[in-house]
Structure formats: C-alpha cells, structure tokens
C-alpha cells in the first residue's frame, strides 16, 4: 500500500490536537490530524465548562469542541478518523501504520493522544460496567433519576461530576480515601452546600455487588479495615487518568513513571521532530486551557523544526 506523506501529522483530536491543527493549517503546513474516535476527546463528555476564557456563562463540552473543530476547518485542516496500530518515530521520516494497513508518513509529528479514566480493578467493576458502573456522569446520569448513587474520588472531576449527578439522583455519596477533598475550593464549597451530597471519608470501594438488573450495592472499606455495605444502584468512578500511549516507542520517548511523555518548554520530546501536547504530557494540571496552549506551542515549534530541516545546507 502506498504511503501518504504530509509535512506534519497530528495524533488526537482533542483541544490540544485541534489547536495544533488550527495553527498548522493557518501556517499553510500540509497537515493531517488523525483521531481514532470522535473529535473533541474527553471534553465531549463534560457537561458544562465554566472556566474556559471567553465563555462567562459556561458552555457544554460538546459545543466548545464543535466550535474548535469549526475554527480549524476554516483554515482547511484535513482530518481522518482512524486508529493507529503502530508508530515508527526515529529518523527523519515519521511513520504511522493504521489498523487497516494504510501507512501515513510525515516530516514531523505532534502526539496529542490524550488519556483515559483509570479503573479500580475490583470485584464487580468489570462485570457491571455499563450496568451501574460508569466513568461518565454526562453520559449516564439521566439513567439514575430519583436513585441513590456513589461517586468515587475527591478531585475536581469527581466533585464536578457529583454536582452534575444531583440533577438526577436523590442522593449522591462521595467516597474518598482521604479525610479532605483535593478539588478546588469553589467546587468544595458547592459540594458541601448541596443537600443531596453526602461524604464517606477515609474509605475505598473494595467490591461492587448486584444482580441481573445491575448494581445493587458496594462494599466500602475504611482505613482501619472495617467494611460497610452501601445500597446504591450506580457507581461513578473518577479516580484519575492514564495515558493513551499504546504503540508509542516508550523505550525512545522519555516519560514519567505513569507513562506520560516528558517534553521541554517547546513541547519537544526526546526524539527529534516529535512533539507532544495535552493530556499525554507529564504535568501537574490537566485543563482545557493549557491543552490548547500546548497545542499552539507544539505547532509553532513543529513549524520552526520543519523550517530548519528544509533550510539549505551551507
């Protein structure tokens, strides 16, 4: 199969990838953006985005990403929905082989692969996935009208999603392994003021129970090893994320202990011509606004790299 060649290949169509694509297309760099699922990434499952500059009244995650995609389309960004089976990123030409066998090559690449929800790997989690165990409040919240449910986690996402779930559930219990939340103060204040939200501190979910109809209860174990059964029909997991780094040459790309890629301030990785932006990067904060800024920096850096590579040799 003949390979298609571009100056720049962008992997991932979330905020970082779409912003990188916008900048690259606007700079008239021959660019292809590949996304394996739907443009927008994890933001698509976010109910309301309240802290993205310019949208004082908030905006849904779907609408925000739709606007970003339309902005990139204005400059003619070429996009392709496909899954990548393997990467070959050493050397001057970067090569990606799609699952259908098609080969895409490029002079430079920006990895915006993103990340996904981390799982607890406890009894019942896999068995009841989609039947009471969920990782997306926006997707599944409406199924739990007037029911008692639990949210696992104590960070921004867990608290934000718990607040969203109060629109439907009669009671939301936040289960956190510590004695205080890690979420920002404004989210904590909203959660503590919400009468439908209760808290189970210093505890972890050790098992999920149910029957053919779905989840019926969970077992929570506190720090002293004591167990209690909580009758719930839904368990929403928000305990962190892990990188979508499958297929990447992690023996060549420097990364942290969790597999998130390390870059310098230009978003360059340890392989020449390979850049990374968004949630695939090792960093402390993962927000839409810094993903877009990283996408812009990565595109500008890739443009500079391409100019240097194509400069006449003296």
Protein backbone atom coordinates (compact mmCIF):
# COMPACT_ATOMS: atom_id res chain seq x y z
CA UNK A 1 0.00 0.00 0.00
CA UNK A 2 1.35 3.41 -0.97
CA UNK A 3 2.11 5.73 1.91
CA UNK A 4 0.51 9.17 2.12
CA UNK A 5 3.02 11.87 3.08
CA UNK A 6 2.49 15.14 4.97
CA UNK A 7 4.73 17.77 6.44
CA UNK A 8 3.02 17.38 9.80
CA UNK A 9 0.93 14.65 11.38
CA UNK A 10 -1.16 15.33 14.49
CA UNK A 11 -2.40 12.35 16.50
CA UNK A 12 -5.52 13.09 18.53
CA UNK A 13 -8.46 15.44 18.04
CA UNK A 14 -8.98 16.89 21.50
CA UNK A 15 -8.31 20.52 22.49
CA UNK A 16 -4.54 20.17 22.02
CA UNK A 17 -4.78 18.42 18.67
CA UNK A 18 -7.41 20.75 17.21
CA UNK A 19 -5.49 23.83 18.32
CA UNK A 20 -2.27 22.45 16.86
CA UNK A 21 -4.16 21.69 13.66
CA UNK A 22 -5.59 25.19 13.52
CA UNK A 23 -2.15 26.77 13.90
CA UNK A 24 -0.51 24.41 11.41
CA UNK A 25 -3.23 24.77 8.76
CA UNK A 26 -3.18 28.54 9.18
CA UNK A 27 0.59 28.47 8.60
CA UNK A 28 -0.07 26.57 5.36
CA UNK A 29 1.75 23.49 6.60
CA UNK A 30 0.49 20.35 4.87
CA UNK A 31 -1.12 18.68 7.86
CA UNK A 32 -3.23 15.63 8.67
CA UNK A 33 -4.99 15.16 12.01
CA UNK A 34 -5.86 11.56 12.91
CA UNK A 35 -8.45 10.83 15.60
CA UNK A 36 -9.49 7.29 16.47
CA UNK A 37 -12.96 8.09 17.85
CA UNK A 38 -14.72 11.45 17.77
CA UNK A 39 -13.27 14.94 17.54
CA UNK A 40 -13.22 16.54 20.96
CA UNK A 41 -11.74 13.80 23.12
CA UNK A 42 -12.65 13.65 26.81
CA UNK A 43 -14.17 17.14 26.71
CA UNK A 44 -17.14 15.71 24.80
CA UNK A 45 -18.37 14.01 27.98
CA UNK A 46 -18.08 17.17 30.11
CA UNK A 47 -21.50 18.62 30.83
CA UNK A 48 -20.56 22.26 31.44
CA UNK A 49 -17.24 24.07 31.00
CA UNK A 50 -17.20 27.11 33.26
CA UNK A 51 -13.56 28.19 33.22
CA UNK A 52 -12.62 28.46 29.55
CA UNK A 53 -11.88 32.13 28.80
CA UNK A 54 -14.47 33.91 26.73
CA UNK A 55 -17.48 31.86 27.86
CA UNK A 56 -18.61 33.64 31.01
CA UNK A 57 -21.97 31.88 31.08
CA UNK A 58 -20.33 28.45 30.59
CA UNK A 59 -20.60 26.19 27.56
CA UNK A 60 -21.15 22.48 27.11
CA UNK A 61 -18.09 20.39 26.34
CA UNK A 62 -19.67 19.27 23.08
CA UNK A 63 -20.39 22.81 21.92
CA UNK A 64 -16.91 24.03 22.84
CA UNK A 65 -15.23 21.27 20.87
CA UNK A 66 -17.62 21.80 17.96
CA UNK A 67 -16.50 25.42 17.83
CA UNK A 68 -12.83 24.42 17.96
CA UNK A 69 -13.31 21.94 15.12
CA UNK A 70 -15.15 24.54 13.04
CA UNK A 71 -12.34 27.03 13.66
CA UNK A 72 -9.76 24.53 12.39
CA UNK A 73 -11.99 23.72 9.41
CA UNK A 74 -11.95 27.39 8.46
CA UNK A 75 -8.25 27.04 7.64
CA UNK A 76 -8.73 23.78 5.79
CA UNK A 77 -7.35 21.29 8.29
CA UNK A 78 -7.50 17.77 6.86
CA UNK A 79 -8.83 15.21 9.34
CA UNK A 80 -9.12 11.44 9.32
CA UNK A 81 -10.97 9.11 11.70
CA UNK A 82 -8.81 6.02 12.13
CA UNK A 83 -6.94 4.02 14.74
CA UNK A 84 -3.15 3.78 14.61
CA UNK A 85 -1.69 0.31 15.07
CA UNK A 86 1.99 1.23 15.29
CA UNK A 87 4.45 4.12 15.25
CA UNK A 88 7.99 4.41 13.84
CA UNK A 89 9.25 7.78 15.05
CA UNK A 90 13.02 7.55 14.79
CA UNK A 91 14.78 9.09 11.86
CA UNK A 92 13.77 11.99 9.68
CA UNK A 93 10.56 10.45 8.39
CA UNK A 94 7.89 9.59 10.95
CA UNK A 95 5.71 6.64 10.06
CA UNK A 96 2.31 5.57 11.36
CA UNK A 97 0.56 2.38 10.28
CA UNK A 98 -3.20 2.39 10.66
CA UNK A 99 -5.19 -0.66 11.74
CA UNK A 100 -6.41 -1.09 8.15
CA UNK A 101 -2.80 -1.31 6.95
CA UNK A 102 -2.62 2.19 5.49
CA UNK A 103 0.70 3.96 6.07
CA UNK A 104 0.97 7.68 6.82
CA UNK A 105 4.36 9.40 6.85
CA UNK A 106 5.34 12.90 7.92
CA UNK A 107 8.36 15.08 8.48
CA UNK A 108 7.19 15.93 12.00
CA UNK A 109 4.53 14.67 14.38
CA UNK A 110 2.62 16.07 17.35
CA UNK A 111 1.33 13.46 19.79
CA UNK A 112 -1.96 14.56 21.35
CA UNK A 113 -3.13 11.05 22.21
CA UNK A 114 -4.74 12.14 25.48
CA UNK A 115 -5.59 9.95 28.43
CA UNK A 116 -8.45 7.83 29.76
CA UNK A 117 -10.18 7.06 33.02
CA UNK A 118 -8.31 4.87 35.49
CA UNK A 119 -10.10 1.80 36.84
CA UNK A 120 -10.10 0.35 40.34
CA UNK A 121 -9.91 -3.29 39.14
CA UNK A 122 -12.07 -4.55 41.99
CA UNK A 123 -14.63 -7.39 42.07
CA UNK A 124 -17.76 -6.38 40.22
CA UNK A 125 -16.30 -3.40 38.36
CA UNK A 126 -15.89 -5.13 35.03
CA UNK A 127 -18.99 -7.28 35.43
CA UNK A 128 -21.26 -4.29 35.98
CA UNK A 129 -19.62 -1.85 33.56
CA UNK A 130 -22.50 -0.25 31.68
CA UNK A 131 -24.99 -1.77 34.13
CA UNK A 132 -24.40 0.51 37.08
CA UNK A 133 -20.65 1.17 36.88
CA UNK A 134 -19.87 4.29 34.87
CA UNK A 135 -16.98 6.64 34.12
CA UNK A 136 -19.11 9.39 32.58
CA UNK A 137 -21.72 11.33 34.54
CA UNK A 138 -22.85 13.28 31.49
CA UNK A 139 -23.44 10.08 29.53
CA UNK A 140 -25.21 8.04 32.19
CA UNK A 141 -26.57 10.48 34.78
CA UNK A 142 -30.11 10.61 33.35
CA UNK A 143 -30.49 6.85 33.93
CA UNK A 144 -30.39 7.39 37.70
CA UNK A 145 -33.35 9.67 38.31
CA UNK A 146 -34.50 9.53 41.94
CA UNK A 147 -31.96 6.82 42.79
CA UNK A 148 -29.12 6.68 45.32
CA UNK A 149 -25.66 6.51 43.75
CA UNK A 150 -21.99 6.86 44.68
CA UNK A 151 -19.09 8.83 43.24
CA UNK A 152 -15.56 7.56 43.87
CA UNK A 153 -12.80 10.17 44.08
CA UNK A 154 -12.04 13.56 45.61
CA UNK A 155 -10.52 15.66 42.84
CA UNK A 156 -12.02 18.31 40.58
CA UNK A 157 -13.59 15.83 38.19
CA UNK A 158 -15.16 13.72 40.93
CA UNK A 159 -16.72 16.70 42.70
CA UNK A 160 -17.82 18.41 39.50
CA UNK A 161 -19.47 15.24 38.26
CA UNK A 162 -21.09 14.60 41.65
CA UNK A 163 -22.66 18.05 41.47
CA UNK A 164 -23.91 17.28 37.97
CA UNK A 165 -25.41 13.98 39.15
CA UNK A 166 -27.53 15.75 41.78
CA UNK A 167 -29.71 16.88 38.88
CA UNK A 168 -30.94 13.30 38.62
CA UNK A 169 -30.15 11.24 41.71
CA UNK A 170 -31.96 11.54 45.03
CA UNK A 171 -28.68 11.11 46.90
CA UNK A 172 -25.01 11.16 45.88
CA UNK A 173 -22.37 9.78 48.26
CA UNK A 174 -18.82 10.87 47.53
CA UNK A 175 -16.37 8.20 48.69
CA UNK A 176 -12.83 9.42 49.19
CA UNK A 177 -9.78 7.66 50.57
CA UNK A 178 -8.63 10.76 52.43
CA UNK A 179 -10.27 12.99 55.05
CA UNK A 180 -10.45 16.04 52.79
CA UNK A 181 -11.15 16.74 49.13
CA UNK A 182 -8.46 17.63 46.60
CA UNK A 183 -10.87 19.65 44.45
CA UNK A 184 -10.61 23.42 44.15
CA UNK A 185 -12.20 25.43 46.95
CA UNK A 186 -15.06 26.74 44.83
CA UNK A 187 -16.11 23.19 43.92
CA UNK A 188 -15.75 22.06 47.53
CA UNK A 189 -17.99 24.88 48.69
CA UNK A 190 -20.66 23.90 46.19
CA UNK A 191 -20.47 20.24 47.20
CA UNK A 192 -20.67 20.95 50.93
CA UNK A 193 -23.65 23.23 50.34
CA UNK A 194 -25.52 20.68 48.20
CA UNK A 195 -28.11 18.83 50.36
CA UNK A 196 -28.15 15.80 48.07
CA UNK A 197 -24.42 15.12 48.56
CA UNK A 198 -23.05 13.14 51.49
CA UNK A 199 -19.46 12.09 52.16
CA UNK A 200 -17.80 8.86 53.20
CA UNK A 201 -14.26 9.75 54.27
CA UNK A 202 -11.09 7.66 54.63
CA UNK A 203 -12.64 4.83 52.65
CA UNK A 204 -12.17 2.95 49.42
CA UNK A 205 -14.55 0.85 47.38
CA UNK A 206 -13.43 -2.78 47.66
CA UNK A 207 -16.26 -4.52 45.77
CA UNK A 208 -19.40 -3.87 43.76
CA UNK A 209 -22.39 -6.15 44.11
CA UNK A 210 -25.53 -6.68 42.11
CA UNK A 211 -27.68 -9.00 40.06
CA UNK A 212 -29.08 -9.35 36.59
CA UNK A 213 -30.71 -5.93 36.88
CA UNK A 214 -27.39 -4.23 37.58
CA UNK A 215 -25.62 -2.75 40.59
CA UNK A 216 -27.36 -3.09 43.94
CA UNK A 217 -24.66 -2.13 46.43
CA UNK A 218 -20.97 -1.50 47.05
CA UNK A 219 -18.63 -2.52 49.82
CA UNK A 220 -16.58 0.33 51.30
CA UNK A 221 -13.54 -0.43 53.45
CA UNK A 222 -12.17 2.26 55.75
CA UNK A 223 -8.54 2.80 56.70
CA UNK A 224 -8.95 0.53 59.73
CA UNK A 225 -10.17 -2.34 57.57
CA UNK A 226 -13.82 -2.08 58.63
CA UNK A 227 -16.36 -2.79 55.91
CA UNK A 228 -19.81 -1.37 55.30
CA UNK A 229 -22.40 -2.06 52.64
CA UNK A 230 -23.87 0.94 50.84
CA UNK A 231 -27.07 0.34 48.90
CA UNK A 232 -26.67 2.15 45.56
CA UNK A 233 -27.75 1.50 42.00
CA UNK A 234 -24.89 3.38 40.37
CA UNK A 235 -21.15 3.76 41.00
CA UNK A 236 -19.33 6.53 39.12
CA UNK A 237 -15.53 6.26 39.07
CA UNK A 238 -13.35 9.39 38.90
CA UNK A 239 -10.00 8.31 40.35
CA UNK A 240 -7.59 9.69 37.82
CA UNK A 241 -6.38 9.03 34.33
CA UNK A 242 -3.77 7.02 32.46
CA UNK A 243 -2.05 7.95 29.19
CA UNK A 244 -3.12 6.64 25.80
CA UNK A 245 0.45 5.65 24.97
CA UNK A 246 -0.20 2.28 23.35
CA UNK A 247 2.03 1.67 20.35
CA UNK A 248 4.41 4.51 21.16
CA UNK A 249 8.14 3.66 21.38
CA UNK A 250 8.42 4.34 25.11
CA UNK A 251 11.98 2.98 25.08
CA UNK A 252 12.89 6.00 22.94
CA UNK A 253 10.49 8.62 24.32
CA UNK A 254 11.33 9.82 27.80
CA UNK A 255 8.33 9.52 30.15
CA UNK A 256 7.41 9.56 33.81
CA UNK A 257 6.56 6.53 35.96
CA UNK A 258 2.95 6.57 34.80
CA UNK A 259 3.86 6.66 31.11
CA UNK A 260 3.09 10.34 30.44
CA UNK A 261 5.56 11.89 27.99
CA UNK A 262 8.21 14.36 29.11
CA UNK A 263 8.85 17.42 26.95
CA UNK A 264 10.73 20.68 27.16
CA UNK A 265 9.05 24.10 27.06
CA UNK A 266 8.74 23.89 23.26
CA UNK A 267 6.75 20.63 23.63
CA UNK A 268 9.64 18.71 22.05
CA UNK A 269 10.15 15.12 23.21
CA UNK A 270 13.44 13.26 23.30
CA UNK A 271 13.05 12.28 19.63
CA UNK A 272 13.82 14.98 17.02
CA UNK A 273 10.71 16.12 15.17
CA UNK A 274 8.38 14.51 17.71
CA UNK A 275 6.32 16.85 19.88
CA UNK A 276 3.62 16.21 22.48
CA UNK A 277 0.75 18.30 23.83
CA UNK A 278 -2.30 17.88 26.02
CA UNK A 279 -3.09 15.13 28.50
CA UNK A 280 -0.42 12.76 27.13
CA UNK A 281 2.22 15.07 28.64
CA UNK A 282 3.59 14.68 32.14
CA UNK A 283 2.31 17.67 34.11
CA UNK A 284 0.52 18.61 37.28
CA UNK A 285 -2.62 20.23 35.90
CA UNK A 286 -4.77 18.97 33.05
CA UNK A 287 -7.15 21.66 31.89
CA UNK A 288 -8.65 22.52 28.51
CA UNK A 289 -6.94 25.90 28.54
CA UNK A 290 -3.42 24.55 28.99
CA UNK A 291 -4.06 21.78 26.46
CA UNK A 292 -4.90 24.40 23.85
CA UNK A 293 -1.85 26.49 24.73
CA UNK A 294 0.38 23.42 24.49
CA UNK A 295 -1.15 22.58 21.11
CA UNK A 296 -0.32 26.06 19.86
CA UNK A 297 3.26 25.88 21.18
CA UNK A 298 3.73 22.42 19.66
CA UNK A 299 2.53 23.61 16.24
CA UNK A 300 4.77 26.68 16.31
CA UNK A 301 7.72 24.52 17.38
CA UNK A 302 6.99 22.00 14.66
CA UNK A 303 6.85 24.83 12.11
CA UNK A 304 10.25 26.03 13.27
CA UNK A 305 11.62 22.50 13.16
CA UNK A 306 10.39 22.00 9.59
CA UNK A 307 11.93 25.29 8.50
CA UNK A 308 15.29 24.29 9.97
CA UNK A 309 15.16 20.84 8.39
CA UNK A 310 14.36 22.29 4.97
CA UNK A 311 16.87 25.13 5.17
CA UNK A 312 19.62 24.89 2.52
CA UNK A 313 22.86 23.47 3.84
CA UNK A 314 25.80 25.83 3.66
